[in-house]
C-alpha cells in the first residue's frame, strides 16, 4: 500500500477506539516510510511504540467548536509535515487530514470502518468526494469500484 522509499512521509490518522485499532493493524504496511500517527486520544502514544505521534481534538457534526479546533490543528499538522500519503480509518479528524492532504498534493486513502456494515459512514461518504481511493471492508458496499473492496482489516 505504501511505497517503500526513503524519505516517503506518511500521515496515518484515526479517532480512538475501533478506528485506531484498525489503523494499528495496518501499521506494518508503513514500515520503511517516515510515518506520523495522529489520534484523538493522546494516551495512545503510551500504548504503542510509534515512531512519531500527535494528538488532535475529537470532533463531529454536533460539536462545531471542537470541529473548528480540529480543523485548525489538522491544517497545522499537514502543513508542517507535508506528507506524501495521508491514510485514515476514520472518523472526522481523519477526514479533515485527508482534505488538507489532498489540497497540499498528497495521495489520500480512506478505509471505512468494519463497523459500517449497512452503509458507508458519513465521513466515508464525504471521503468519496475527497480521497484518491476509498475502501470498504464489506464487499456488498462496493459499487463499480468506488468504494473499492480489498478485504477486511480484522
C-alpha atoms as a PDB file:
ATOM      1  CA  UNK A   1       0.000   0.000   0.000  1.00  0.00           C
ATOM      2  CA  UNK A   2       2.828   2.420   0.859  1.00  0.00           C
ATOM      3  CA  UNK A   3       5.807   2.781  -1.454  1.00  0.00           C
ATOM      4  CA  UNK A   4       8.942   1.702   0.378  1.00  0.00           C
ATOM      5  CA  UNK A   5      11.139   4.674  -0.472  1.00  0.00           C
ATOM      6  CA  UNK A   6      13.400   6.509   1.914  1.00  0.00           C
ATOM      7  CA  UNK A   7      12.013   9.910   2.718  1.00  0.00           C
ATOM      8  CA  UNK A   8       8.398   8.998   1.988  1.00  0.00           C
ATOM      9  CA  UNK A   9       6.237  10.724   4.585  1.00  0.00           C
ATOM     10  CA  UNK A  10       3.019   9.040   5.681  1.00  0.00           C
ATOM     11  CA  UNK A  11       0.366  10.569   7.911  1.00  0.00           C
ATOM     12  CA  UNK A  12      -1.811   7.833   9.462  1.00  0.00           C
ATOM     13  CA  UNK A  13      -4.894   9.204  11.225  1.00  0.00           C
ATOM     14  CA  UNK A  14      -7.717   7.696  13.276  1.00  0.00           C
ATOM     15  CA  UNK A  15     -10.094   8.518  16.076  1.00  0.00           C
ATOM     16  CA  UNK A  16      -9.691   6.495  19.243  1.00  0.00           C
ATOM     17  CA  UNK A  17     -11.396   3.124  19.692  1.00  0.00           C
ATOM     18  CA  UNK A  18     -12.095   0.775  16.814  1.00  0.00           C
ATOM     19  CA  UNK A  19     -10.832   3.224  14.195  1.00  0.00           C
ATOM     20  CA  UNK A  20      -7.468   3.368  15.978  1.00  0.00           C
ATOM     21  CA  UNK A  21      -7.257  -0.389  16.482  1.00  0.00           C
ATOM     22  CA  UNK A  22      -7.834  -0.965  12.767  1.00  0.00           C
ATOM     23  CA  UNK A  23      -5.132   1.585  11.919  1.00  0.00           C
ATOM     24  CA  UNK A  24      -2.715  -0.182  14.273  1.00  0.00           C
ATOM     25  CA  UNK A  25      -3.404  -3.459  12.451  1.00  0.00           C
ATOM     26  CA  UNK A  26      -2.372  -1.707   9.232  1.00  0.00           C
ATOM     27  CA  UNK A  27       0.768  -0.120  10.708  1.00  0.00           C
ATOM     28  CA  UNK A  28       3.217  -2.826   9.487  1.00  0.00           C
ATOM     29  CA  UNK A  29       2.387  -1.664   5.946  1.00  0.00           C
ATOM     30  CA  UNK A  30       4.040   1.671   6.754  1.00  0.00           C
ATOM     31  CA  UNK A  31       7.460   0.207   7.572  1.00  0.00           C
ATOM     32  CA  UNK A  32      10.163   1.900   5.561  1.00  0.00           C
ATOM     33  CA  UNK A  33       8.306   5.219   5.475  1.00  0.00           C
ATOM     34  CA  UNK A  34       8.601   8.173   7.836  1.00  0.00           C
ATOM     35  CA  UNK A  35       5.204   7.696   9.465  1.00  0.00           C
ATOM     36  CA  UNK A  36       3.485  10.071  11.857  1.00  0.00           C
ATOM     37  CA  UNK A  37       0.448   8.686  13.663  1.00  0.00           C
ATOM     38  CA  UNK A  38      -2.377  11.010  14.693  1.00  0.00           C
ATOM     39  CA  UNK A  39      -5.145  10.126  17.156  1.00  0.00           C
ATOM     40  CA  UNK A  40      -7.809  11.889  19.181  1.00  0.00           C
ATOM     41  CA  UNK A  41      -6.565  10.204  22.373  1.00  0.00           C
ATOM     42  CA  UNK A  42      -3.105  11.364  23.486  1.00  0.00           C
ATOM     43  CA  UNK A  43      -2.802   8.305  25.766  1.00  0.00           C
ATOM     44  CA  UNK A  44      -2.413   6.095  22.688  1.00  0.00           C
ATOM     45  CA  UNK A  45       1.183   7.309  22.372  1.00  0.00           C
ATOM     46  CA  UNK A  46       1.991   5.420  25.587  1.00  0.00           C
ATOM     47  CA  UNK A  47       0.168   2.257  24.498  1.00  0.00           C
ATOM     48  CA  UNK A  48       2.042   1.702  21.233  1.00  0.00           C
ATOM     49  CA  UNK A  49       5.660   2.029  20.188  1.00  0.00           C
ATOM     50  CA  UNK A  50       5.211   4.577  17.432  1.00  0.00           C
ATOM     51  CA  UNK A  51       7.957   6.469  15.602  1.00  0.00           C
ATOM     52  CA  UNK A  52       6.046   9.769  15.813  1.00  0.00           C
ATOM     53  CA  UNK A  53       2.707  10.646  17.380  1.00  0.00           C
ATOM     54  CA  UNK A  54       0.477  13.716  17.510  1.00  0.00           C
ATOM     55  CA  UNK A  55      -2.915  14.263  19.131  1.00  0.00           C
ATOM     56  CA  UNK A  56      -5.845  16.223  17.715  1.00  0.00           C
ATOM     57  CA  UNK A  57      -9.152  17.220  19.293  1.00  0.00           C
ATOM     58  CA  UNK A  58     -12.034  14.849  18.663  1.00  0.00           C
ATOM     59  CA  UNK A  59     -14.884  16.342  16.691  1.00  0.00           C
ATOM     60  CA  UNK A  60     -18.116  15.578  14.891  1.00  0.00           C
ATOM     61  CA  UNK A  61     -21.020  17.341  13.242  1.00  0.00           C
ATOM     62  CA  UNK A  62     -22.791  18.016  16.556  1.00  0.00           C
ATOM     63  CA  UNK A  63     -19.811  19.843  18.134  1.00  0.00           C
ATOM     64  CA  UNK A  64     -18.983  22.786  15.851  1.00  0.00           C
ATOM     65  CA  UNK A  65     -16.422  24.460  18.151  1.00  0.00           C
ATOM     66  CA  UNK A  66     -14.482  21.215  18.540  1.00  0.00           C
ATOM     67  CA  UNK A  67     -14.669  20.756  14.774  1.00  0.00           C
ATOM     68  CA  UNK A  68     -13.210  24.231  14.251  1.00  0.00           C
ATOM     69  CA  UNK A  69     -10.369  23.482  16.696  1.00  0.00           C
ATOM     70  CA  UNK A  70      -9.709  20.188  14.937  1.00  0.00           C
ATOM     71  CA  UNK A  71      -9.822  21.884  11.533  1.00  0.00           C
ATOM     72  CA  UNK A  72      -7.073  24.298  12.593  1.00  0.00           C
ATOM     73  CA  UNK A  73      -4.958  21.619  14.306  1.00  0.00           C
ATOM     74  CA  UNK A  74      -5.141  19.214  11.347  1.00  0.00           C
ATOM     75  CA  UNK A  75      -4.222  22.040   8.959  1.00  0.00           C
ATOM     76  CA  UNK A  76      -1.130  22.844  11.022  1.00  0.00           C
ATOM     77  CA  UNK A  77      -0.096  19.180  11.112  1.00  0.00           C
ATOM     78  CA  UNK A  78      -0.457  18.633   7.370  1.00  0.00           C
ATOM     79  CA  UNK A  79       1.132  21.996   6.536  1.00  0.00           C
ATOM     80  CA  UNK A  80       4.185  21.262   8.695  1.00  0.00           C
ATOM     81  CA  UNK A  81       4.655  17.596   7.788  1.00  0.00           C
ATOM     82  CA  UNK A  82       3.794  17.801   4.077  1.00  0.00           C
ATOM     83  CA  UNK A  83       3.053  14.060   3.838  1.00  0.00           C
ATOM     84  CA  UNK A  84       3.240  12.179   0.558  1.00  0.00           C
ATOM     85  CA  UNK A  85       0.372   9.942   1.710  1.00  0.00           C
ATOM     86  CA  UNK A  86      -2.488  10.514   4.149  1.00  0.00           C
ATOM     87  CA  UNK A  87      -4.396   7.412   5.217  1.00  0.00           C
ATOM     88  CA  UNK A  88      -7.295   7.206   7.656  1.00  0.00           C
ATOM     89  CA  UNK A  89      -9.663   4.618   9.069  1.00  0.00           C
ATOM     90  CA  UNK A  90     -11.959   7.385  10.370  1.00  0.00           C
ATOM     91  CA  UNK A  91     -13.590   9.374  11.706  1.00  0.00           C
ATOM     92  CA  UNK A  92     -13.971  13.178  11.272  1.00  0.00           C
ATOM     93  CA  UNK A  93     -10.377  14.178  12.206  1.00  0.00           C
ATOM     94  CA  UNK A  94      -9.086  11.697   9.633  1.00  0.00           C
ATOM     95  CA  UNK A  95     -11.382  13.177   7.015  1.00  0.00           C
ATOM     96  CA  UNK A  96     -10.032  16.656   7.769  1.00  0.00           C
ATOM     97  CA  UNK A  97      -6.455  15.405   7.373  1.00  0.00           C
ATOM     98  CA  UNK A  98      -7.421  13.842   4.033  1.00  0.00           C
ATOM     99  CA  UNK A  99      -8.883  17.163   2.919  1.00  0.00           C
ATOM    100  CA  UNK A 100      -5.744  19.114   3.845  1.00  0.00           C
ATOM    101  CA  UNK A 101      -3.503  16.408   2.428  1.00  0.00           C
ATOM    102  CA  UNK A 102      -5.332  16.471  -0.890  1.00  0.00           C
ATOM    103  CA  UNK A 103      -5.045  20.263  -1.046  1.00  0.00           C
ATOM    104  CA  UNK A 104      -1.283  20.013  -0.420  1.00  0.00           C
ATOM    105  CA  UNK A 105      -0.785  17.361  -3.096  1.00  0.00           C
ATOM    106  CA  UNK A 106      -0.647  14.161  -1.018  1.00  0.00           C
ATOM    107  CA  UNK A 107      -2.151  10.867  -2.154  1.00  0.00           C
ATOM    108  CA  UNK A 108      -5.121  10.074   0.076  1.00  0.00           C
ATOM    109  CA  UNK A 109      -6.706   6.805   1.185  1.00  0.00           C
ATOM    110  CA  UNK A 110      -9.823   6.345   3.296  1.00  0.00           C
ATOM    111  CA  UNK A 111     -10.621   2.927   4.789  1.00  0.00           C
ATOM    112  CA  UNK A 112     -14.154   2.874   6.150  1.00  0.00           C
ATOM    113  CA  UNK A 113     -14.560   1.126   9.491  1.00  0.00           C
ATOM    114  CA  UNK A 114     -15.568  -2.536   9.691  1.00  0.00           C
ATOM    115  CA  UNK A 115     -18.424  -1.362  11.946  1.00  0.00           C
ATOM    116  CA  UNK A 116     -20.187   0.220   8.966  1.00  0.00           C
ATOM    117  CA  UNK A 117     -21.764  -2.933   7.567  1.00  0.00           C
ATOM    118  CA  UNK A 118     -25.000  -1.402   6.232  1.00  0.00           C
ATOM    119  CA  UNK A 119     -23.747   1.846   4.670  1.00  0.00           C
ATOM    120  CA  UNK A 120     -20.587   3.877   4.445  1.00  0.00           C
ATOM    121  CA  UNK A 121     -20.172   6.240   7.370  1.00  0.00           C
ATOM    122  CA  UNK A 122     -20.930   9.932   6.874  1.00  0.00           C
ATOM    123  CA  UNK A 123     -17.186  10.595   6.827  1.00  0.00           C
ATOM    124  CA  UNK A 124     -16.751   7.753   4.338  1.00  0.00           C
ATOM    125  CA  UNK A 125     -19.373   9.235   2.039  1.00  0.00           C
ATOM    126  CA  UNK A 126     -17.651  12.615   2.239  1.00  0.00           C
ATOM    127  CA  UNK A 127     -14.282  10.941   1.646  1.00  0.00           C
ATOM    128  CA  UNK A 128     -15.664   9.649  -1.661  1.00  0.00           C
ATOM    129  CA  UNK A 129     -15.536  13.284  -2.836  1.00  0.00           C
ATOM    130  CA  UNK A 130     -12.026  13.942  -1.483  1.00  0.00           C
ATOM    131  CA  UNK A 131      -9.855  10.837  -1.357  1.00  0.00           C
ATOM    132  CA  UNK A 132      -7.951   9.303  -4.235  1.00  0.00           C
ATOM    133  CA  UNK A 133      -9.025   5.882  -3.004  1.00  0.00           C
ATOM    134  CA  UNK A 134     -11.876   4.847  -0.711  1.00  0.00           C
ATOM    135  CA  UNK A 135     -12.026   1.301   0.613  1.00  0.00           C
ATOM    136  CA  UNK A 136     -14.874  -0.506   2.325  1.00  0.00           C
ATOM    137  CA  UNK A 137     -14.419  -3.634   4.409  1.00  0.00           C
ATOM    138  CA  UNK A 138     -17.751  -5.038   3.227  1.00  0.00           C
ATOM    139  CA  UNK A 139     -17.945  -6.498  -0.274  1.00  0.00           C
ATOM    140  CA  UNK A 140     -21.652  -5.712  -0.716  1.00  0.00           C
ATOM    141  CA  UNK A 141     -20.958  -1.975  -0.239  1.00  0.00           C
ATOM    142  CA  UNK A 142     -18.541  -1.803  -3.178  1.00  0.00           C
ATOM    143  CA  UNK A 143     -20.216  -0.484  -6.328  1.00  0.00           C
ATOM    144  CA  UNK A 144     -18.324  -0.203  -9.608  1.00  0.00           C
ATOM    145  CA  UNK A 145     -15.012   0.079  -7.773  1.00  0.00           C
ATOM    146  CA  UNK A 146     -15.961   3.086  -5.641  1.00  0.00           C
ATOM    147  CA  UNK A 147     -15.715   2.407  -2.839  1.00  0.00           C
ATOM    148  CA  UNK A 148     -13.331  -0.410  -3.539  1.00  0.00           C
ATOM    149  CA  UNK A 149     -13.315  -3.696  -1.634  1.00  0.00           C
ATOM    150  CA  UNK A 150      -9.984  -5.427  -0.961  1.00  0.00           C
ATOM    151  CA  UNK A 151     -10.922  -7.452   2.118  1.00  0.00           C
ATOM    152  CA  UNK A 152     -11.191  -6.505   5.763  1.00  0.00           C
ATOM    153  CA  UNK A 153      -8.588  -5.396   8.258  1.00  0.00           C
ATOM    154  CA  UNK A 154      -9.902  -7.672  11.019  1.00  0.00           C
END
